[in-house]
Amino acid sequence: MKRRHFFQKAGALSAGIGLGIKGTAEASDKEVNFKKQPFTVGINDFKIDYHVPQLEQEVKIMHITDTHLWRDDERGEPYRQFSGRMAKAYNETRHFITGETTHPEEAFEQTLKLAKEAKVDAITLTGDLFSFPSEAAIAWAYERLEALNIPYLYSSGNHDWHYEGMEGSLHELRNTWIEKRLLPLYKGKNPLMYAEMVKGINVVNIDNSYYEIMPEQLEFFKAESRKGLPMVLMMHIPLYAPGRSLGYGCAHPAYNAANDKNYELERRQRWPEKGHTQTTMEFHKEVFAAENLLGIFAGHVHRQTVDWVKGTPQFLTHPNAAGGYLEVNFIPLNNAAQNQLKS
């Protein structure tokens, strides 16, 4: 893609955050109440199979996170003092299955090829697609995603908008670099919160890339939950699960300035002295109380894990920098199986 075309499109969407564009999943004329309906989950390595009642057709999603693309060119020269450490972080990786040498660009292209071959209905990208907001890397990824002709849903991670050592709060820097660089990836949706229906599954995207939830994001999630549709939640930073480290930092009770060990290395604003906002803690409570939520999909910690919290699974995915992904299949649960689960 030629540079001017990419940034013309970025300019055309540059009002996205300021205008509060909302991407919402509209319920069908035939509203369904998914609450308290039993579903099953099967986990086989990097393949997740849901069997879901009231679902009329199969849905296949490819979940990708933490690719850490670091491509740069002369446009990045003025920012080298801020990008230098992360530009060296993922030059060479080991494939999560084969152990063979690879790198983020090769891993990303291979994963997109797998998505095409699997005929997925959508690709979800939950942040750290980039190691820093490089114009060259963003344009490179955008071109490949657009050429794929598969719907994709992107939300940012902490590295996507962070130039290390650049002045400004985390909130200010996120808004600045989403507006300046990342906006085309949202395709007109609100970068901080949006939802899309994918063949009967309400895919809700919340940007929690600096660990906190904003009041409008909490209200947005509540509104999506009230629709009673089968729903999945996509975020970069996982929600706190008992026994997990601070990497599971959204609503983690130990999140505070005293426990922030990396702020000097990452040259960023330190975590708050008093810890999380009340809004973030309420969000955690609301998510795990949502009876129509099938699961949460996140990244950030660079390994594949699963936690069940109050009956809701949270899946983390191997970093795509090493080829990682999750294939998530939603399969209609037939009446006989439903009756057996209820008996």
C-alpha atoms as a PDB file:
ATOM      1  CA  MET A   1       0.000   0.000   0.000  1.00  0.00           C
ATOM      2  CA  LYS A   2       1.307   3.422  -0.897  1.00  0.00           C
ATOM      3  CA  ARG A   3       1.922   5.666   2.094  1.00  0.00           C
ATOM      4  CA  ARG A   4      -0.384   8.464   1.016  1.00  0.00           C
ATOM      5  CA  HIS A   5      -3.328   6.095   0.560  1.00  0.00           C
ATOM      6  CA  PHE A   6      -2.853   4.581   4.009  1.00  0.00           C
ATOM      7  CA  PHE A   7      -2.679   7.906   5.783  1.00  0.00           C
ATOM      8  CA  GLN A   8      -5.470   9.449   3.716  1.00  0.00           C
ATOM      9  CA  LYS A   9      -7.648   6.695   5.114  1.00  0.00           C
ATOM     10  CA  ALA A  10      -6.303   7.391   8.587  1.00  0.00           C
ATOM     11  CA  GLY A  11      -7.193  11.055   8.188  1.00  0.00           C
ATOM     12  CA  ALA A  12     -10.702  10.238   7.067  1.00  0.00           C
ATOM     13  CA  LEU A  13     -11.258   8.311  10.308  1.00  0.00           C
ATOM     14  CA  SER A  14      -9.378  10.652  12.615  1.00  0.00           C
ATOM     15  CA  ALA A  15     -12.534  11.860  14.344  1.00  0.00           C
ATOM     16  CA  GLY A  16     -13.315   8.381  15.633  1.00  0.00           C
ATOM     17  CA  ILE A  17     -12.393   8.825  19.293  1.00  0.00           C
ATOM     18  CA  GLY A  18     -13.531  12.399  19.636  1.00  0.00           C
ATOM     19  CA  LEU A  19     -16.961  11.725  18.159  1.00  0.00           C
ATOM     20  CA  GLY A  20     -17.436   8.602  20.240  1.00  0.00           C
ATOM     21  CA  ILE A  21     -18.376   6.391  17.297  1.00  0.00           C
ATOM     22  CA  LYS A  22     -20.082   3.323  18.718  1.00  0.00           C
ATOM     23  CA  GLY A  23     -19.962  -0.101  17.096  1.00  0.00           C
ATOM     24  CA  THR A  24     -22.860  -2.058  18.565  1.00  0.00           C
ATOM     25  CA  ALA A  25     -24.176  -5.537  18.067  1.00  0.00           C
ATOM     26  CA  GLU A  26     -27.868  -5.300  17.338  1.00  0.00           C
ATOM     27  CA  ALA A  27     -30.086  -8.065  18.635  1.00  0.00           C
ATOM     28  CA  SER A  28     -32.160  -9.806  15.975  1.00  0.00           C
ATOM     29  CA  ASP A  29     -35.934  -9.383  15.732  1.00  0.00           C
ATOM     30  CA  LYS A  30     -36.195 -12.698  17.501  1.00  0.00           C
ATOM     31  CA  GLU A  31     -34.474 -11.810  20.793  1.00  0.00           C
ATOM     32  CA  VAL A  32     -32.965 -14.756  22.591  1.00  0.00           C
ATOM     33  CA  ASN A  33     -32.339 -15.035  26.288  1.00  0.00           C
ATOM     34  CA  PHE A  34     -29.146 -16.991  26.629  1.00  0.00           C
ATOM     35  CA  LYS A  35     -28.994 -16.758  30.424  1.00  0.00           C
ATOM     36  CA  LYS A  36     -28.468 -19.991  32.320  1.00  0.00           C
ATOM     37  CA  GLN A  37     -28.291 -22.059  29.133  1.00  0.00           C
ATOM     38  CA  PRO A  38     -25.718 -24.858  29.497  1.00  0.00           C
ATOM     39  CA  PHE A  39     -22.799 -24.957  27.097  1.00  0.00           C
ATOM     40  CA  THR A  40     -19.690 -27.118  26.924  1.00  0.00           C
ATOM     41  CA  VAL A  41     -16.062 -26.334  26.134  1.00  0.00           C
ATOM     42  CA  GLY A  42     -13.440 -28.728  24.789  1.00  0.00           C
ATOM     43  CA  ILE A  43      -9.765 -27.713  24.824  1.00  0.00           C
ATOM     44  CA  ASN A  44      -7.300 -29.442  22.518  1.00  0.00           C
ATOM     45  CA  ASP A  45      -3.945 -27.681  22.441  1.00  0.00           C
ATOM     46  CA  PHE A  46      -4.605 -24.466  20.477  1.00  0.00           C
ATOM     47  CA  LYS A  47      -8.146 -25.426  19.408  1.00  0.00           C
ATOM     48  CA  ILE A  48     -11.187 -24.509  21.513  1.00  0.00           C
ATOM     49  CA  ASP A  49     -14.560 -26.091  20.726  1.00  0.00           C
ATOM     50  CA  TYR A  50     -17.696 -24.590  22.238  1.00  0.00           C
ATOM     51  CA  HIS A  51     -21.040 -26.382  21.949  1.00  0.00           C
ATOM     52  CA  VAL A  52     -23.638 -23.657  22.312  1.00  0.00           C
ATOM     53  CA  PRO A  53     -27.444 -23.893  22.603  1.00  0.00           C
ATOM     54  CA  GLN A  54     -29.642 -21.598  20.501  1.00  0.00           C
ATOM     55  CA  LEU A  55     -26.854 -21.147  17.978  1.00  0.00           C
ATOM     56  CA  GLU A  56     -28.116 -21.706  14.454  1.00  0.00           C
ATOM     57  CA  GLN A  57     -24.833 -22.195  12.584  1.00  0.00           C
ATOM     58  CA  GLU A  58     -21.166 -22.938  13.210  1.00  0.00           C
ATOM     59  CA  VAL A  59     -18.848 -20.001  13.827  1.00  0.00           C
ATOM     60  CA  LYS A  60     -15.058 -20.132  13.549  1.00  0.00           C
ATOM     61  CA  ILE A  61     -12.806 -17.398  14.944  1.00  0.00           C
ATOM     62  CA  MET A  62      -9.008 -17.126  14.819  1.00  0.00           C
ATOM     63  CA  HIS A  63      -7.697 -15.367  17.913  1.00  0.00           C
ATOM     64  CA  ILE A  64      -4.298 -13.642  17.533  1.00  0.00           C
ATOM     65  CA  THR A  65      -2.426 -11.590  20.109  1.00  0.00           C
ATOM     66  CA  ASP A  66       1.085 -10.276  20.826  1.00  0.00           C
ATOM     67  CA  THR A  67       2.678 -10.390  17.377  1.00  0.00           C
ATOM     68  CA  HIS A  68       5.098  -7.555  18.249  1.00  0.00           C
ATOM     69  CA  LEU A  69       5.867  -6.404  14.716  1.00  0.00           C
ATOM     70  CA  TRP A  70       8.884  -4.071  14.791  1.00  0.00           C
ATOM     71  CA  ARG A  71       9.385  -3.082  11.130  1.00  0.00           C
ATOM     72  CA  ASP A  72      10.525   0.545  10.836  1.00  0.00           C
ATOM     73  CA  ASP A  73      11.934   2.945   8.232  1.00  0.00           C
ATOM     74  CA  GLU A  74      13.124   6.524   7.892  1.00  0.00           C
ATOM     75  CA  ARG A  75       9.812   7.830   9.234  1.00  0.00           C
ATOM     76  CA  GLY A  76      10.709   6.323  12.587  1.00  0.00           C
ATOM     77  CA  GLU A  77      14.042   8.131  12.856  1.00  0.00           C
ATOM     78  CA  PRO A  78      12.685  10.984  15.057  1.00  0.00           C
ATOM     79  CA  TYR A  79      11.382   8.404  17.540  1.00  0.00           C
ATOM     80  CA  ARG A  80      14.401   6.096  17.848  1.00  0.00           C
ATOM     81  CA  GLN A  81      15.141   7.317  21.371  1.00  0.00           C
ATOM     82  CA  PHE A  82      11.712   5.962  22.345  1.00  0.00           C
ATOM     83  CA  SER A  83      11.578   2.796  20.235  1.00  0.00           C
ATOM     84  CA  GLY A  84      15.127   1.426  20.554  1.00  0.00           C
ATOM     85  CA  ARG A  85      14.594  -1.208  23.261  1.00  0.00           C
ATOM     86  CA  MET A  86      11.434  -2.700  21.776  1.00  0.00           C
ATOM     87  CA  ALA A  87      12.866  -2.604  18.252  1.00  0.00           C
ATOM     88  CA  LYS A  88      15.388  -5.229  19.413  1.00  0.00           C
ATOM     89  CA  ALA A  89      13.007  -7.353  21.478  1.00  0.00           C
ATOM     90  CA  TYR A  90      11.592  -9.850  18.960  1.00  0.00           C
ATOM     91  CA  ASN A  91      14.023  -9.929  16.048  1.00  0.00           C
ATOM     92  CA  GLU A  92      14.170 -13.717  16.333  1.00  0.00           C
ATOM     93  CA  THR A  93      11.743 -16.095  18.029  1.00  0.00           C
ATOM     94  CA  ARG A  94      11.102 -19.836  18.320  1.00  0.00           C
ATOM     95  CA  HIS A  95       7.915 -21.253  16.846  1.00  0.00           C
ATOM     96  CA  PHE A  96       5.556 -22.350  19.618  1.00  0.00           C
ATOM     97  CA  ILE A  97       4.966 -25.776  18.013  1.00  0.00           C
ATOM     98  CA  THR A  98       8.095 -26.709  16.061  1.00  0.00           C
ATOM     99  CA  GLY A  99      10.715 -24.810  18.052  1.00  0.00           C
ATOM    100  CA  GLU A 100      12.243 -23.666  14.775  1.00  0.00           C
ATOM    101  CA  THR A 101      13.629 -20.166  14.325  1.00  0.00           C
ATOM    102  CA  THR A 102      11.103 -17.615  13.090  1.00  0.00           C
ATOM    103  CA  HIS A 103      10.281 -13.920  13.502  1.00  0.00           C
ATOM    104  CA  PRO A 104       7.074 -11.854  13.943  1.00  0.00           C
ATOM    105  CA  GLU A 105       6.473 -11.003  10.276  1.00  0.00           C
ATOM    106  CA  GLU A 106       6.852 -14.607   9.139  1.00  0.00           C
ATOM    107  CA  ALA A 107       4.703 -15.843  12.024  1.00  0.00           C
ATOM    108  CA  PHE A 108       1.959 -13.326  11.270  1.00  0.00           C
ATOM    109  CA  GLU A 109       1.828 -14.161   7.579  1.00  0.00           C
ATOM    110  CA  GLN A 110       1.734 -17.896   8.323  1.00  0.00           C
ATOM    111  CA  THR A 111      -1.113 -17.392  10.789  1.00  0.00           C
ATOM    112  CA  LEU A 112      -3.117 -15.357   8.281  1.00  0.00           C
ATOM    113  CA  LYS A 113      -2.573 -18.150   5.759  1.00  0.00           C
ATOM    114  CA  LEU A 114      -3.908 -20.678   8.278  1.00  0.00           C
ATOM    115  CA  ALA A 115      -6.933 -18.467   8.880  1.00  0.00           C
ATOM    116  CA  LYS A 116      -7.618 -18.381   5.153  1.00  0.00           C
ATOM    117  CA  GLU A 117      -7.251 -22.147   4.816  1.00  0.00           C
ATOM    118  CA  ALA A 118      -9.509 -22.762   7.819  1.00  0.00           C
ATOM    119  CA  LYS A 119     -12.151 -20.443   6.317  1.00  0.00           C
ATOM    120  CA  VAL A 120     -12.599 -18.571   9.579  1.00  0.00           C
ATOM    121  CA  ASP A 121     -15.511 -16.167   9.915  1.00  0.00           C
ATOM    122  CA  ALA A 122     -13.449 -13.524  11.717  1.00  0.00           C
ATOM    123  CA  ILE A 123     -10.000 -12.776  13.124  1.00  0.00           C
ATOM    124  CA  THR A 124      -9.696 -11.174  16.546  1.00  0.00           C
ATOM    125  CA  LEU A 125      -6.524  -9.208  17.309  1.00  0.00           C
ATOM    126  CA  THR A 126      -6.254  -8.349  21.001  1.00  0.00           C
ATOM    127  CA  GLY A 127      -3.266  -6.080  21.130  1.00  0.00           C
ATOM    128  CA  ASP A 128       0.494  -5.791  20.945  1.00  0.00           C
ATOM    129  CA  LEU A 129       0.262  -6.370  17.227  1.00  0.00           C
ATOM    130  CA  PHE A 130       3.167  -3.893  17.220  1.00  0.00           C
ATOM    131  CA  SER A 131       6.115  -3.382  19.549  1.00  0.00           C
ATOM    132  CA  PHE A 132       5.718   0.392  19.196  1.00  0.00           C
ATOM    133  CA  PRO A 133       3.534   2.574  16.945  1.00  0.00           C
ATOM    134  CA  SER A 134       5.738   2.361  13.851  1.00  0.00           C
ATOM    135  CA  GLU A 135       4.160   3.790  10.688  1.00  0.00           C
ATOM    136  CA  ALA A 136       5.942   1.182   8.586  1.00  0.00           C
ATOM    137  CA  ALA A 137       4.759  -1.772  10.685  1.00  0.00           C
ATOM    138  CA  ILE A 138       1.166  -0.539  10.910  1.00  0.00           C
ATOM    139  CA  ALA A 139       0.908   0.014   7.155  1.00  0.00           C
ATOM    140  CA  TRP A 140       2.484  -3.414   6.497  1.00  0.00           C
ATOM    141  CA  ALA A 141      -0.009  -5.214   8.768  1.00  0.00           C
ATOM    142  CA  TYR A 142      -2.996  -3.225   7.506  1.00  0.00           C
ATOM    143  CA  GLU A 143      -2.200  -4.103   3.896  1.00  0.00           C
ATOM    144  CA  ARG A 144      -2.076  -7.826   4.683  1.00  0.00           C
ATOM    145  CA  LEU A 145      -5.229  -7.819   6.764  1.00  0.00           C
ATOM    146  CA  GLU A 146      -7.175  -5.964   4.080  1.00  0.00           C
ATOM    147  CA  ALA A 147      -5.938  -8.307   1.341  1.00  0.00           C
ATOM    148  CA  LEU A 148      -7.175 -11.318   3.284  1.00  0.00           C
ATOM    149  CA  ASN A 149     -10.872 -10.464   2.822  1.00  0.00           C
ATOM    150  CA  ILE A 150     -11.742 -11.855   6.253  1.00  0.00           C
ATOM    151  CA  PRO A 151     -13.419  -9.579   8.828  1.00  0.00           C
ATOM    152  CA  TYR A 152     -11.009  -8.627  11.604  1.00  0.00           C
ATOM    153  CA  LEU A 153     -11.584  -7.016  14.982  1.00  0.00           C
ATOM    154  CA  TYR A 154      -8.652  -5.147  16.502  1.00  0.00           C
ATOM    155  CA  SER A 155      -8.080  -3.550  19.885  1.00  0.00           C
ATOM    156  CA  SER A 156      -4.804  -2.146  21.126  1.00  0.00           C
ATOM    157  CA  GLY A 157      -2.264  -3.469  23.584  1.00  0.00           C
ATOM    158  CA  ASN A 158       0.090  -1.449  25.748  1.00  0.00           C
ATOM    159  CA  HIS A 159       2.953  -1.661  23.225  1.00  0.00           C
ATOM    160  CA  ASP A 160       0.854  -0.655  20.215  1.00  0.00           C
ATOM    161  CA  TRP A 161       0.708   2.971  21.359  1.00  0.00           C
ATOM    162  CA  HIS A 162       3.684   3.244  23.728  1.00  0.00           C
ATOM    163  CA  TYR A 163       6.917   5.015  22.861  1.00  0.00           C
ATOM    164  CA  GLU A 164       9.086   4.355  25.900  1.00  0.00           C
ATOM    165  CA  GLY A 165      10.144   7.522  27.684  1.00  0.00           C
ATOM    166  CA  MET A 166       7.787   9.814  25.789  1.00  0.00           C
ATOM    167  CA  GLU A 167       6.194  12.424  27.995  1.00  0.00           C
ATOM    168  CA  GLY A 168       2.537  12.005  28.850  1.00  0.00           C
ATOM    169  CA  SER A 169       0.171   9.889  30.911  1.00  0.00           C
ATOM    170  CA  LEU A 170      -0.759   6.413  29.711  1.00  0.00           C
ATOM    171  CA  HIS A 171      -4.248   7.656  28.920  1.00  0.00           C
ATOM    172  CA  GLU A 172      -2.899  10.597  26.890  1.00  0.00           C
ATOM    173  CA  LEU A 173      -0.390   8.480  24.985  1.00  0.00           C
ATOM    174  CA  ARG A 174      -2.980   5.851  24.119  1.00  0.00           C
ATOM    175  CA  ASN A 175      -5.359   8.457  22.708  1.00  0.00           C
ATOM    176  CA  THR A 176      -2.566  10.274  20.861  1.00  0.00           C
ATOM    177  CA  TRP A 177      -1.123   7.284  18.998  1.00  0.00           C
ATOM    178  CA  ILE A 178      -4.460   5.657  18.292  1.00  0.00           C
ATOM    179  CA  GLU A 179      -5.480   8.911  16.611  1.00  0.00           C
ATOM    180  CA  LYS A 180      -2.175   9.391  14.778  1.00  0.00           C
ATOM    181  CA  ARG A 181      -1.348   5.836  13.710  1.00  0.00           C
ATOM    182  CA  LEU A 182      -3.720   3.017  14.644  1.00  0.00           C
ATOM    183  CA  LEU A 183      -7.106   4.393  13.621  1.00  0.00           C
ATOM    184  CA  PRO A 184      -7.397   2.659  10.195  1.00  0.00           C
ATOM    185  CA  LEU A 185      -7.357  -0.748  11.914  1.00  0.00           C
ATOM    186  CA  TYR A 186     -10.660   0.027  13.645  1.00  0.00           C
ATOM    187  CA  LYS A 187     -12.524   0.635  10.385  1.00  0.00           C
ATOM    188  CA  GLY A 188     -14.650   3.431  11.817  1.00  0.00           C
ATOM    189  CA  LYS A 189     -15.448   1.792  15.165  1.00  0.00           C
ATOM    190  CA  ASN A 190     -14.826   3.318  18.570  1.00  0.00           C
ATOM    191  CA  PRO A 191     -11.268   2.187  19.447  1.00  0.00           C
ATOM    192  CA  LEU A 192     -12.043   1.904  23.144  1.00  0.00           C
ATOM    193  CA  MET A 193     -15.220  -0.208  22.960  1.00  0.00           C
ATOM    194  CA  TYR A 194     -17.255  -1.815  20.233  1.00  0.00           C
ATOM    195  CA  ALA A 195     -19.163  -4.994  19.466  1.00  0.00           C
ATOM    196  CA  GLU A 196     -19.890  -6.952  16.310  1.00  0.00           C
ATOM    197  CA  MET A 197     -22.174  -9.879  15.634  1.00  0.00           C
ATOM    198  CA  VAL A 198     -20.351 -12.792  14.009  1.00  0.00           C
ATOM    199  CA  LYS A 199     -23.017 -15.268  12.846  1.00  0.00           C
ATOM    200  CA  GLY A 200     -24.892 -15.243  16.146  1.00  0.00           C
ATOM    201  CA  ILE A 201     -21.977 -14.578  18.535  1.00  0.00           C
ATOM    202  CA  ASN A 202     -21.749 -11.088  20.028  1.00  0.00           C
ATOM    203  CA  VAL A 203     -18.010 -10.266  20.007  1.00  0.00           C
ATOM    204  CA  VAL A 204     -17.376  -7.445  22.491  1.00  0.00           C
ATOM    205  CA  ASN A 205     -14.047  -5.580  22.376  1.00  0.00           C
ATOM    206  CA  ILE A 206     -12.851  -3.496  25.330  1.00  0.00           C
ATOM    207  CA  ASP A 207      -9.489  -1.691  25.322  1.00  0.00           C
ATOM    208  CA  ASN A 208      -7.927  -2.174  28.773  1.00  0.00           C
ATOM    209  CA  SER A 209      -4.374  -1.711  27.534  1.00  0.00           C
ATOM    210  CA  TYR A 210      -3.196   0.282  30.537  1.00  0.00           C
ATOM    211  CA  TYR A 211      -4.947  -2.026  33.037  1.00  0.00           C
ATOM    212  CA  GLU A 212      -7.880   0.293  33.805  1.00  0.00           C
ATOM    213  CA  ILE A 213     -11.505   0.445  32.662  1.00  0.00           C
ATOM    214  CA  MET A 214     -13.223   3.757  31.965  1.00  0.00           C
ATOM    215  CA  PRO A 215     -16.802   4.424  33.197  1.00  0.00           C
ATOM    216  CA  GLU A 216     -18.174   4.534  29.644  1.00  0.00           C
ATOM    217  CA  GLN A 217     -16.575   1.148  28.926  1.00  0.00           C
ATOM    218  CA  LEU A 218     -18.260  -0.341  32.001  1.00  0.00           C
ATOM    219  CA  GLU A 219     -21.635   0.988  30.890  1.00  0.00           C
ATOM    220  CA  PHE A 220     -21.039  -0.282  27.370  1.00  0.00           C
ATOM    221  CA  PHE A 221     -20.316  -3.793  28.643  1.00  0.00           C
ATOM    222  CA  LYS A 222     -23.432  -3.739  30.813  1.00  0.00           C
ATOM    223  CA  ALA A 223     -25.540  -2.725  27.818  1.00  0.00           C
ATOM    224  CA  GLU A 224     -24.108  -5.514  25.658  1.00  0.00           C
ATOM    225  CA  SER A 225     -24.661  -8.045  28.427  1.00  0.00           C
ATOM    226  CA  ARG A 226     -28.288  -7.008  28.838  1.00  0.00           C
ATOM    227  CA  LYS A 227     -28.982  -8.077  25.243  1.00  0.00           C
ATOM    228  CA  GLY A 228     -28.906 -11.683  26.425  1.00  0.00           C
ATOM    229  CA  LEU A 229     -27.028 -12.900  23.349  1.00  0.00           C
ATOM    230  CA  PRO A 230     -24.232 -15.486  23.462  1.00  0.00           C
ATOM    231  CA  MET A 231     -21.222 -13.221  23.975  1.00  0.00           C
ATOM    232  CA  VAL A 232     -17.421 -13.340  24.103  1.00  0.00           C
ATOM    233  CA  LEU A 233     -15.169 -10.609  25.494  1.00  0.00           C
ATOM    234  CA  MET A 234     -11.903  -9.638  23.780  1.00  0.00           C
ATOM    235  CA  MET A 235      -9.246  -7.660  25.694  1.00  0.00           C
ATOM    236  CA  HIS A 236      -5.471  -7.353  25.773  1.00  0.00           C
ATOM    237  CA  ILE A 237      -4.803  -7.633  29.505  1.00  0.00           C
ATOM    238  CA  PRO A 238      -6.468 -10.582  31.231  1.00  0.00           C
ATOM    239  CA  LEU A 239      -8.778 -10.169  34.186  1.00  0.00           C
ATOM    240  CA  TYR A 240      -7.515 -11.138  37.622  1.00  0.00           C
ATOM    241  CA  ALA A 241      -7.884 -14.799  38.488  1.00  0.00           C
ATOM    242  CA  PRO A 242      -6.992 -16.054  41.988  1.00  0.00           C
ATOM    243  CA  GLY A 243      -3.415 -17.261  42.217  1.00  0.00           C
ATOM    244  CA  ARG A 244      -2.298 -15.512  39.042  1.00  0.00           C
ATOM    245  CA  SER A 245       0.533 -12.994  38.796  1.00  0.00           C
ATOM    246  CA  LEU A 246       0.288  -9.263  38.192  1.00  0.00           C
ATOM    247  CA  GLY A 247       0.365  -9.955  34.469  1.00  0.00           C
ATOM    248  CA  TYR A 248      -3.316 -10.764  34.986  1.00  0.00           C
ATOM    249  CA  GLY A 249      -3.478  -7.168  36.039  1.00  0.00           C
ATOM    250  CA  CYS A 250      -6.965  -5.919  35.245  1.00  0.00           C
ATOM    251  CA  ALA A 251      -8.573  -5.740  38.718  1.00  0.00           C
ATOM    252  CA  HIS A 252      -5.674  -7.574  40.393  1.00  0.00           C
ATOM    253  CA  PRO A 253      -5.782  -6.686  44.131  1.00  0.00           C
ATOM    254  CA  ALA A 254      -1.980  -6.242  44.234  1.00  0.00           C
ATOM    255  CA  TYR A 255      -1.925  -3.709  41.373  1.00  0.00           C
ATOM    256  CA  ASN A 256      -0.382  -0.554  42.877  1.00  0.00           C
ATOM    257  CA  ALA A 257       2.728   1.620  42.767  1.00  0.00           C
ATOM    258  CA  ALA A 258       4.588  -0.406  45.374  1.00  0.00           C
ATOM    259  CA  ASN A 259       4.339  -3.536  43.194  1.00  0.00           C
ATOM    260  CA  ASP A 260       5.156  -1.859  39.879  1.00  0.00           C
ATOM    261  CA  LYS A 261       8.638  -3.231  39.182  1.00  0.00           C
ATOM    262  CA  ASN A 262       8.929  -2.387  35.486  1.00  0.00           C
ATOM    263  CA  TYR A 263       7.959   1.262  35.143  1.00  0.00           C
ATOM    264  CA  GLU A 264      11.594   2.431  35.047  1.00  0.00           C
ATOM    265  CA  LEU A 265      12.610  -0.212  32.479  1.00  0.00           C
ATOM    266  CA  GLU A 266       9.595   0.593  30.325  1.00  0.00           C
ATOM    267  CA  ARG A 267       9.981   4.336  30.963  1.00  0.00           C
ATOM    268  CA  ARG A 268       6.304   4.932  31.599  1.00  0.00           C
ATOM    269  CA  GLN A 269       3.934   6.383  34.149  1.00  0.00           C
ATOM    270  CA  ARG A 270       3.969   4.412  37.390  1.00  0.00           C
ATOM    271  CA  TRP A 271       0.859   2.569  38.533  1.00  0.00           C
ATOM    272  CA  PRO A 272      -1.331   4.511  41.020  1.00  0.00           C
ATOM    273  CA  GLU A 273      -0.434   4.485  44.711  1.00  0.00           C
ATOM    274  CA  LYS A 274      -3.932   3.348  45.703  1.00  0.00           C
ATOM    275  CA  GLY A 275      -4.304   0.737  43.007  1.00  0.00           C
ATOM    276  CA  HIS A 276      -7.251   0.250  40.694  1.00  0.00           C
ATOM    277  CA  THR A 277     -10.197   2.555  40.275  1.00  0.00           C
ATOM    278  CA  GLN A 278     -13.541   1.444  41.621  1.00  0.00           C
ATOM    279  CA  THR A 279     -14.773   1.299  38.013  1.00  0.00           C
ATOM    280  CA  THR A 280     -12.188  -1.342  37.121  1.00  0.00           C
ATOM    281  CA  MET A 281     -13.111  -3.442  40.137  1.00  0.00           C
ATOM    282  CA  GLU A 282     -16.815  -3.168  39.288  1.00  0.00           C
ATOM    283  CA  PHE A 283     -16.066  -4.188  35.699  1.00  0.00           C
ATOM    284  CA  HIS A 284     -14.399  -7.375  36.943  1.00  0.00           C
ATOM    285  CA  LYS A 285     -17.480  -8.142  39.001  1.00  0.00           C
ATOM    286  CA  GLU A 286     -19.865  -7.435  36.115  1.00  0.00           C
ATOM    287  CA  VAL A 287     -17.943  -9.596  33.651  1.00  0.00           C
ATOM    288  CA  PHE A 288     -17.965 -12.684  35.812  1.00  0.00           C
ATOM    289  CA  ALA A 289     -21.623 -12.126  36.706  1.00  0.00           C
ATOM    290  CA  ALA A 290     -22.688 -11.991  33.034  1.00  0.00           C
ATOM    291  CA  GLU A 291     -24.646 -15.202  32.551  1.00  0.00           C
ATOM    292  CA  ASN A 292     -24.581 -14.978  28.753  1.00  0.00           C
ATOM    293  CA  LEU A 293     -20.763 -14.646  28.580  1.00  0.00           C
ATOM    294  CA  LEU A 294     -19.174 -17.678  26.921  1.00  0.00           C
ATOM    295  CA  GLY A 295     -15.613 -16.636  27.678  1.00  0.00           C
ATOM    296  CA  ILE A 296     -12.850 -14.051  27.717  1.00  0.00           C
ATOM    297  CA  PHE A 297      -9.934 -14.046  25.268  1.00  0.00           C
ATOM    298  CA  ALA A 298      -6.784 -12.073  26.050  1.00  0.00           C
ATOM    299  CA  GLY A 299      -2.992 -12.053  25.759  1.00  0.00           C
ATOM    300  CA  HIS A 300      -0.261  -9.929  27.321  1.00  0.00           C
ATOM    301  CA  VAL A 301       1.470 -12.621  29.410  1.00  0.00           C
ATOM    302  CA  HIS A 302       2.878 -14.517  26.376  1.00  0.00           C
ATOM    303  CA  ARG A 303       1.732 -17.997  27.255  1.00  0.00           C
ATOM    304  CA  GLN A 304      -1.356 -20.112  26.795  1.00  0.00           C
ATOM    305  CA  THR A 305      -3.423 -20.580  29.944  1.00  0.00           C
ATOM    306  CA  VAL A 306      -7.041 -21.064  30.948  1.00  0.00           C
ATOM    307  CA  ASP A 307      -8.783 -20.077  34.177  1.00  0.00           C
ATOM    308  CA  TRP A 308     -12.391 -20.706  35.176  1.00  0.00           C
ATOM    309  CA  VAL A 309     -13.735 -17.930  37.369  1.00  0.00           C
ATOM    310  CA  LYS A 310     -17.320 -18.273  38.620  1.00  0.00           C
ATOM    311  CA  GLY A 311     -18.047 -20.667  35.779  1.00  0.00           C
ATOM    312  CA  THR A 312     -16.627 -18.437  33.025  1.00  0.00           C
ATOM    313  CA  PRO A 313     -13.459 -19.499  31.169  1.00  0.00           C
ATOM    314  CA  GLN A 314     -10.693 -17.028  30.379  1.00  0.00           C
ATOM    315  CA  PHE A 315      -8.302 -18.093  27.629  1.00  0.00           C
ATOM    316  CA  LEU A 316      -4.862 -16.620  27.052  1.00  0.00           C
ATOM    317  CA  THR A 317      -3.017 -17.327  23.827  1.00  0.00           C
ATOM    318  CA  HIS A 318       0.587 -18.091  22.925  1.00  0.00           C
ATOM    319  CA  PRO A 319       2.242 -14.965  21.472  1.00  0.00           C
ATOM    320  CA  ASN A 320       1.851 -14.704  17.732  1.00  0.00           C
ATOM    321  CA  ALA A 321       5.456 -13.462  17.606  1.00  0.00           C
ATOM    322  CA  ALA A 322       6.233 -17.167  18.018  1.00  0.00           C
ATOM    323  CA  GLY A 323       3.416 -18.307  15.726  1.00  0.00           C
ATOM    324  CA  GLY A 324       0.786 -18.679  18.452  1.00  0.00           C
ATOM    325  CA  TYR A 325      -2.947 -18.483  17.897  1.00  0.00           C
ATOM    326  CA  LEU A 326      -6.212 -20.052  19.041  1.00  0.00           C
ATOM    327  CA  GLU A 327      -8.801 -21.515  16.703  1.00  0.00           C
ATOM    328  CA  VAL A 328     -12.147 -21.047  18.434  1.00  0.00           C
ATOM    329  CA  ASN A 329     -15.141 -22.984  17.109  1.00  0.00           C
ATOM    330  CA  PHE A 330     -18.721 -22.346  18.215  1.00  0.00           C
ATOM    331  CA  ILE A 331     -20.919 -25.318  17.324  1.00  0.00           C
ATOM    332  CA  PRO A 332     -24.710 -25.577  17.780  1.00  0.00           C
ATOM    333  CA  LEU A 333     -25.631 -27.870  20.658  1.00  0.00           C
ATOM    334  CA  ASN A 334     -28.365 -30.266  19.542  1.00  0.00           C
ATOM    335  CA  ASN A 335     -31.517 -30.909  21.562  1.00  0.00           C
ATOM    336  CA  ALA A 336     -30.471 -34.360  22.730  1.00  0.00           C
ATOM    337  CA  ALA A 337     -27.207 -33.024  24.120  1.00  0.00           C
ATOM    338  CA  GLN A 338     -29.014 -30.099  25.784  1.00  0.00           C
ATOM    339  CA  ASN A 339     -31.450 -32.439  27.492  1.00  0.00           C
ATOM    340  CA  GLN A 340     -28.617 -34.640  28.734  1.00  0.00           C
ATOM    341  CA  LEU A 341     -26.835 -31.625  30.247  1.00  0.00           C
ATOM    342  CA  LYS A 342     -30.019 -30.512  31.975  1.00  0.00           C
ATOM    343  CA  SER A 343     -30.880 -33.944  33.374  1.00  0.00           C
END
